[in-house]
Amino acid sequence: VQLQAFGGGLVQAGGSLRLSCAASGRTFSIYAMGWFRQAPGKEREFVAAMSANGANTYYSDSVRGRFTISRDIAKNTLYLEMNGLKPEDTAVYYCAQSRYSRYSDNVADLVRLASNYPDWGLGTLVTVSS
């Protein structure tokens, strides 16, 4: 699968952005998908994920209540709506496809680990100014 994240940019603190992730195939309804980010000098960290059946969403504590993950299967697109942005949200954001299909159980902890995502797209830079 080929993934491409886009929609990043420069925004003031308190502002909003919506990131999109386009996939080359019908992957969103088959595998759990996630968003990760990597700030300069820091390790890649989990942001949000959605189960393959779309019934469950998962968020890191730092973004819960501000970010929303969603998808449009017809458009083969995954979204990350980001509101109330803070300077500490500045990072390159990546979308990724996990190894967990709709038949996988108990993925709540598993989808938070970058090592469980074999397929990654190119990232998009989000810069939040104070």
C-alpha atoms as a PDB file:
ATOM      1  CA  VAL A   1       0.000   0.000   0.000  1.00  0.00           C
ATOM      2  CA  GLN A   2       1.136   3.546  -0.714  1.00  0.00           C
ATOM      3  CA  LEU A   3       0.202   6.246   1.741  1.00  0.00           C
ATOM      4  CA  GLN A   4       0.586   9.994   1.460  1.00  0.00           C
ATOM      5  CA  ALA A   5      -0.161  12.484   4.212  1.00  0.00           C
ATOM      6  CA  PHE A   6      -0.855  16.098   3.352  1.00  0.00           C
ATOM      7  CA  GLY A   7      -2.530  19.181   4.742  1.00  0.00           C
ATOM      8  CA  GLY A   8       0.203  20.403   7.067  1.00  0.00           C
ATOM      9  CA  GLY A   9       1.252  23.995   7.331  1.00  0.00           C
ATOM     10  CA  LEU A  10       1.912  26.922   9.616  1.00  0.00           C
ATOM     11  CA  VAL A  11      -0.809  27.853  12.085  1.00  0.00           C
ATOM     12  CA  GLN A  12      -1.018  30.022  15.176  1.00  0.00           C
ATOM     13  CA  ALA A  13      -1.552  28.529  18.585  1.00  0.00           C
ATOM     14  CA  GLY A  14      -5.231  27.831  19.139  1.00  0.00           C
ATOM     15  CA  GLY A  15      -5.823  27.296  15.455  1.00  0.00           C
ATOM     16  CA  SER A  16      -6.946  24.234  13.519  1.00  0.00           C
ATOM     17  CA  LEU A  17      -5.755  22.042  10.683  1.00  0.00           C
ATOM     18  CA  ARG A  18      -7.076  18.937   9.011  1.00  0.00           C
ATOM     19  CA  LEU A  19      -4.603  16.395   7.780  1.00  0.00           C
ATOM     20  CA  SER A  20      -5.503  13.877   5.117  1.00  0.00           C
ATOM     21  CA  CYS A  21      -3.945  10.564   4.228  1.00  0.00           C
ATOM     22  CA  ALA A  22      -4.631   9.067   0.833  1.00  0.00           C
ATOM     23  CA  ALA A  23      -4.134   5.357   0.243  1.00  0.00           C
ATOM     24  CA  SER A  24      -3.498   3.543  -2.991  1.00  0.00           C
ATOM     25  CA  GLY A  25      -5.945   0.756  -2.157  1.00  0.00           C
ATOM     26  CA  ARG A  26      -8.930  -0.081  -0.018  1.00  0.00           C
ATOM     27  CA  THR A  27      -6.854  -0.485   3.105  1.00  0.00           C
ATOM     28  CA  PHE A  28      -8.789   1.495   5.705  1.00  0.00           C
ATOM     29  CA  SER A  29     -11.566  -1.049   6.124  1.00  0.00           C
ATOM     30  CA  ILE A  30      -9.115  -3.938   6.291  1.00  0.00           C
ATOM     31  CA  TYR A  31      -6.442  -2.760   8.720  1.00  0.00           C
ATOM     32  CA  ALA A  32      -6.301  -0.469  11.715  1.00  0.00           C
ATOM     33  CA  MET A  33      -4.747   2.858  10.729  1.00  0.00           C
ATOM     34  CA  GLY A  34      -2.817   5.345  12.783  1.00  0.00           C
ATOM     35  CA  TRP A  35      -1.320   8.796  12.925  1.00  0.00           C
ATOM     36  CA  PHE A  36       2.084   9.382  14.453  1.00  0.00           C
ATOM     37  CA  ARG A  37       4.273  12.442  14.734  1.00  0.00           C
ATOM     38  CA  GLN A  38       7.933  13.190  15.155  1.00  0.00           C
ATOM     39  CA  ALA A  39       9.270  16.460  16.468  1.00  0.00           C
ATOM     40  CA  PRO A  40      12.871  17.548  15.850  1.00  0.00           C
ATOM     41  CA  GLY A  41      15.243  15.625  18.084  1.00  0.00           C
ATOM     42  CA  LYS A  42      12.496  13.419  19.459  1.00  0.00           C
ATOM     43  CA  GLU A  43      11.285   9.907  18.841  1.00  0.00           C
ATOM     44  CA  ARG A  44       8.218   9.176  16.765  1.00  0.00           C
ATOM     45  CA  GLU A  45       5.146   9.154  18.985  1.00  0.00           C
ATOM     46  CA  PHE A  46       1.627   7.839  18.717  1.00  0.00           C
ATOM     47  CA  VAL A  47      -1.135  10.366  18.095  1.00  0.00           C
ATOM     48  CA  ALA A  48      -4.323   8.522  17.143  1.00  0.00           C
ATOM     49  CA  ALA A  49      -5.598   5.308  15.604  1.00  0.00           C
ATOM     50  CA  MET A  50      -8.788   3.787  14.303  1.00  0.00           C
ATOM     51  CA  SER A  51      -9.722   0.121  14.280  1.00  0.00           C
ATOM     52  CA  ALA A  52     -10.293  -1.627  10.972  1.00  0.00           C
ATOM     53  CA  ASN A  53     -14.055  -1.690  11.421  1.00  0.00           C
ATOM     54  CA  GLY A  54     -14.079   1.975  12.370  1.00  0.00           C
ATOM     55  CA  ALA A  55     -15.873   1.288  15.631  1.00  0.00           C
ATOM     56  CA  ASN A  56     -12.994   2.213  17.906  1.00  0.00           C
ATOM     57  CA  THR A  57     -10.674   5.178  18.070  1.00  0.00           C
ATOM     58  CA  TYR A  58      -7.641   5.649  20.248  1.00  0.00           C
ATOM     59  CA  TYR A  59      -5.769   8.795  21.231  1.00  0.00           C
ATOM     60  CA  SER A  60      -2.671   9.762  23.120  1.00  0.00           C
ATOM     61  CA  ASP A  61      -3.280  11.664  26.312  1.00  0.00           C
ATOM     62  CA  SER A  62      -1.648  14.763  24.836  1.00  0.00           C
ATOM     63  CA  VAL A  63      -4.186  15.123  22.024  1.00  0.00           C
ATOM     64  CA  ARG A  64      -7.359  13.551  23.412  1.00  0.00           C
ATOM     65  CA  GLY A  65     -10.205  16.038  23.274  1.00  0.00           C
ATOM     66  CA  ARG A  66      -8.435  18.204  20.694  1.00  0.00           C
ATOM     67  CA  PHE A  67      -7.774  15.834  17.780  1.00  0.00           C
ATOM     68  CA  THR A  68     -10.237  13.591  15.960  1.00  0.00           C
ATOM     69  CA  ILE A  69      -9.398  10.703  13.650  1.00  0.00           C
ATOM     70  CA  SER A  70     -11.894   9.760  10.974  1.00  0.00           C
ATOM     71  CA  ARG A  71     -12.061   8.174   7.569  1.00  0.00           C
ATOM     72  CA  ASP A  72     -13.952   8.199   4.281  1.00  0.00           C
ATOM     73  CA  ILE A  73     -13.767   4.711   2.859  1.00  0.00           C
ATOM     74  CA  ALA A  74     -15.301   5.753  -0.460  1.00  0.00           C
ATOM     75  CA  LYS A  75     -12.478   8.246  -0.917  1.00  0.00           C
ATOM     76  CA  ASN A  76      -9.781   5.960   0.507  1.00  0.00           C
ATOM     77  CA  THR A  77      -8.831   8.786   2.845  1.00  0.00           C
ATOM     78  CA  LEU A  78      -7.959   8.958   6.529  1.00  0.00           C
ATOM     79  CA  TYR A  79      -8.238  12.280   8.358  1.00  0.00           C
ATOM     80  CA  LEU A  80      -6.868  13.900  11.466  1.00  0.00           C
ATOM     81  CA  GLU A  81      -8.798  16.969  12.561  1.00  0.00           C
ATOM     82  CA  MET A  82      -6.621  19.029  14.878  1.00  0.00           C
ATOM     83  CA  ASN A  83      -8.124  21.780  16.999  1.00  0.00           C
ATOM     84  CA  GLY A  84      -6.693  23.892  19.779  1.00  0.00           C
ATOM     85  CA  LEU A  85      -3.204  23.457  18.396  1.00  0.00           C
ATOM     86  CA  LYS A  86      -0.277  24.142  20.683  1.00  0.00           C
ATOM     87  CA  PRO A  87       3.379  24.874  19.893  1.00  0.00           C
ATOM     88  CA  GLU A  88       4.242  21.433  21.275  1.00  0.00           C
ATOM     89  CA  ASP A  89       2.154  19.889  18.492  1.00  0.00           C
ATOM     90  CA  THR A  90       4.797  21.026  16.012  1.00  0.00           C
ATOM     91  CA  ALA A  91       6.095  17.930  14.228  1.00  0.00           C
ATOM     92  CA  VAL A  92       6.086  15.942  11.036  1.00  0.00           C
ATOM     93  CA  TYR A  93       2.881  13.910  10.997  1.00  0.00           C
ATOM     94  CA  TYR A  94       2.707  10.464   9.425  1.00  0.00           C
ATOM     95  CA  CYS A  95      -0.119   8.114   8.635  1.00  0.00           C
ATOM     96  CA  ALA A  96       0.518   4.398   8.776  1.00  0.00           C
ATOM     97  CA  GLN A  97      -1.151   1.050   8.229  1.00  0.00           C
ATOM     98  CA  SER A  98      -0.955  -1.435  11.079  1.00  0.00           C
ATOM     99  CA  ARG A  99      -0.669  -5.187  10.900  1.00  0.00           C
ATOM    100  CA  TYR A 100      -4.041  -5.623  12.660  1.00  0.00           C
ATOM    101  CA  SER A 101      -7.041  -6.510  10.566  1.00  0.00           C
ATOM    102  CA  ARG A 102     -10.710  -6.491  11.491  1.00  0.00           C
ATOM    103  CA  TYR A 103     -10.208  -9.983  12.842  1.00  0.00           C
ATOM    104  CA  SER A 104      -7.651  -8.871  15.402  1.00  0.00           C
ATOM    105  CA  ASP A 105      -8.716  -8.551  19.016  1.00  0.00           C
ATOM    106  CA  ASN A 106      -7.498  -6.370  21.841  1.00  0.00           C
ATOM    107  CA  VAL A 107      -5.580  -3.906  19.696  1.00  0.00           C
ATOM    108  CA  ALA A 108      -6.012  -0.880  21.971  1.00  0.00           C
ATOM    109  CA  ASP A 109      -2.449  -1.094  23.273  1.00  0.00           C
ATOM    110  CA  LEU A 110      -0.941  -2.601  20.141  1.00  0.00           C
ATOM    111  CA  VAL A 111      -1.921   0.258  17.833  1.00  0.00           C
ATOM    112  CA  ARG A 112       0.047   2.699  19.989  1.00  0.00           C
ATOM    113  CA  LEU A 113       3.381   1.147  19.017  1.00  0.00           C
ATOM    114  CA  ALA A 114       5.091   2.359  15.855  1.00  0.00           C
ATOM    115  CA  SER A 115       6.734  -1.043  15.488  1.00  0.00           C
ATOM    116  CA  ASN A 116       3.322  -2.566  14.754  1.00  0.00           C
ATOM    117  CA  TYR A 117       2.945  -0.500  11.589  1.00  0.00           C
ATOM    118  CA  PRO A 118       4.782  -2.008   8.630  1.00  0.00           C
ATOM    119  CA  ASP A 119       3.616   0.565   6.103  1.00  0.00           C
ATOM    120  CA  TRP A 120       4.230   4.293   6.369  1.00  0.00           C
ATOM    121  CA  GLY A 121       3.477   7.262   4.195  1.00  0.00           C
ATOM    122  CA  LEU A 122       5.497  10.373   3.640  1.00  0.00           C
ATOM    123  CA  GLY A 123       4.888  12.875   6.383  1.00  0.00           C
ATOM    124  CA  THR A 124       3.524  16.368   6.382  1.00  0.00           C
ATOM    125  CA  LEU A 125       4.953  19.163   8.515  1.00  0.00           C
ATOM    126  CA  VAL A 126       2.772  20.970  11.029  1.00  0.00           C
ATOM    127  CA  THR A 127       4.225  24.087  12.619  1.00  0.00           C
ATOM    128  CA  VAL A 128       2.360  25.842  15.411  1.00  0.00           C
ATOM    129  CA  SER A 129       3.579  29.313  16.315  1.00  0.00           C
ATOM    130  CA  SER A 130       3.082  30.821  19.751  1.00  0.00           C
END
